[in-house]
C-alpha atoms as a PDB file:
ATOM      1  CA  UNK A   1     -57.299 -12.469 -17.601  1.00  0.00           C
ATOM      2  CA  UNK A   2     -54.171 -13.036 -15.179  1.00  0.00           C
ATOM      3  CA  UNK A   3     -56.565 -14.069 -12.342  1.00  0.00           C
ATOM      4  CA  UNK A   4     -57.990 -16.946 -14.754  1.00  0.00           C
ATOM      5  CA  UNK A   5     -54.270 -17.828 -15.354  1.00  0.00           C
ATOM      6  CA  UNK A   6     -52.814 -17.531 -12.207  1.00  0.00           C
ATOM      7  CA  UNK A   7     -55.671 -19.840 -10.695  1.00  0.00           C
ATOM      8  CA  UNK A   8     -54.899 -22.309 -13.725  1.00  0.00           C
ATOM      9  CA  UNK A   9     -51.210 -22.242 -12.985  1.00  0.00           C
ATOM     10  CA  UNK A  10     -51.573 -23.005  -9.326  1.00  0.00           C
ATOM     11  CA  UNK A  11     -53.964 -25.895 -10.264  1.00  0.00           C
ATOM     12  CA  UNK A  12     -51.432 -27.587 -12.619  1.00  0.00           C
ATOM     13  CA  UNK A  13     -48.828 -26.958  -9.975  1.00  0.00           C
ATOM     14  CA  UNK A  14     -50.941 -28.991  -7.341  1.00  0.00           C
ATOM     15  CA  UNK A  15     -51.500 -31.613 -10.011  1.00  0.00           C
ATOM     16  CA  UNK A  16     -47.604 -31.807 -10.499  1.00  0.00           C
ATOM     17  CA  UNK A  17     -47.406 -31.458 -14.305  1.00  0.00           C
ATOM     18  CA  UNK A  18     -45.675 -28.291 -14.351  1.00  0.00           C
ATOM     19  CA  UNK A  19     -43.205 -27.931 -16.904  1.00  0.00           C
ATOM     20  CA  UNK A  20     -44.870 -28.688 -19.973  1.00  0.00           C
ATOM     21  CA  UNK A  21     -47.499 -26.486 -19.134  1.00  0.00           C
ATOM     22  CA  UNK A  22     -45.277 -23.823 -18.321  1.00  0.00           C
ATOM     23  CA  UNK A  23     -43.423 -24.175 -21.396  1.00  0.00           C
ATOM     24  CA  UNK A  24     -47.128 -24.042 -23.785  1.00  0.00           C
ATOM     25  CA  UNK A  25     -47.740 -21.072 -21.668  1.00  0.00           C
ATOM     26  CA  UNK A  26     -44.447 -19.273 -22.292  1.00  0.00           C
ATOM     27  CA  UNK A  27     -44.925 -19.802 -26.117  1.00  0.00           C
ATOM     28  CA  UNK A  28     -48.366 -18.590 -25.632  1.00  0.00           C
ATOM     29  CA  UNK A  29     -46.908 -15.346 -24.300  1.00  0.00           C
ATOM     30  CA  UNK A  30     -44.186 -15.003 -26.855  1.00  0.00           C
ATOM     31  CA  UNK A  31     -47.080 -15.404 -29.576  1.00  0.00           C
ATOM     32  CA  UNK A  32     -49.349 -12.743 -28.086  1.00  0.00           C
ATOM     33  CA  UNK A  33     -46.603 -10.367 -27.448  1.00  0.00           C
ATOM     34  CA  UNK A  34     -45.328 -10.426 -31.272  1.00  0.00           C
ATOM     35  CA  UNK A  35     -48.721  -9.787 -32.246  1.00  0.00           C
ATOM     36  CA  UNK A  36     -49.143  -6.934 -30.171  1.00  0.00           C
ATOM     37  CA  UNK A  37     -45.900  -5.675 -31.466  1.00  0.00           C
ATOM     38  CA  UNK A  38     -46.761  -6.241 -34.871  1.00  0.00           C
ATOM     39  CA  UNK A  39     -50.110  -4.638 -34.527  1.00  0.00           C
ATOM     40  CA  UNK A  40     -48.321  -1.515 -33.068  1.00  0.00           C
ATOM     41  CA  UNK A  41     -45.820  -1.390 -35.704  1.00  0.00           C
ATOM     42  CA  UNK A  42     -48.535  -1.393 -38.446  1.00  0.00           C
ATOM     43  CA  UNK A  43     -50.294   1.142 -36.620  1.00  0.00           C
ATOM     44  CA  UNK A  44     -47.486   3.615 -36.552  1.00  0.00           C
ATOM     45  CA  UNK A  45     -46.683   2.618 -40.111  1.00  0.00           C
ATOM     46  CA  UNK A  46     -50.348   3.797 -40.779  1.00  0.00           C
ATOM     47  CA  UNK A  47     -49.993   6.592 -38.967  1.00  0.00           C
ATOM     48  CA  UNK A  48     -46.839   8.175 -40.498  1.00  0.00           C
ATOM     49  CA  UNK A  49     -48.380   7.256 -44.196  1.00  0.00           C
ATOM     50  CA  UNK A  50     -51.322   9.337 -43.205  1.00  0.00           C
ATOM     51  CA  UNK A  51     -49.435  12.119 -41.872  1.00  0.00           C
ATOM     52  CA  UNK A  52     -47.276  12.284 -44.957  1.00  0.00           C
ATOM     53  CA  UNK A  53     -50.325  12.170 -47.313  1.00  0.00           C
ATOM     54  CA  UNK A  54     -51.945  15.034 -45.428  1.00  0.00           C
ATOM     55  CA  UNK A  55     -48.465  17.218 -45.562  1.00  0.00           C
ATOM     56  CA  UNK A  56     -48.605  16.499 -49.312  1.00  0.00           C
ATOM     57  CA  UNK A  57     -52.432  17.440 -49.823  1.00  0.00           C
ATOM     58  CA  UNK A  58     -51.422  20.413 -47.785  1.00  0.00           C
ATOM     59  CA  UNK A  59     -48.712  21.360 -50.132  1.00  0.00           C
ATOM     60  CA  UNK A  60     -50.550  20.824 -52.763  1.00  0.00           C
ATOM     61  CA  UNK A  61     -53.500  23.353 -51.794  1.00  0.00           C
ATOM     62  CA  UNK A  62     -50.786  25.613 -50.942  1.00  0.00           C
ATOM     63  CA  UNK A  63     -49.289  25.547 -54.582  1.00  0.00           C
ATOM     64  CA  UNK A  64     -52.965  25.585 -56.279  1.00  0.00           C
ATOM     65  CA  UNK A  65     -53.519  29.085 -54.011  1.00  0.00           C
ATOM     66  CA  UNK A  66     -50.701  30.368 -54.964  1.00  0.00           C
ATOM     67  CA  UNK A  67     -51.341  30.009 -58.861  1.00  0.00           C
END
């Protein structure tokens, strides 16, 4: 992916319309970064919820075994 973008960037530099495309690329990178961060956070939250649910189930089972 980076190689493709690198070649594209070099071609753009040769053609002489650098700033416009670089701005677009940076916006694209920011968007991708934000999406990745959101996904990572969502996954971590889901894992935490799963752990809490598992702990609650374990506690309930222990209580049932006691009685």
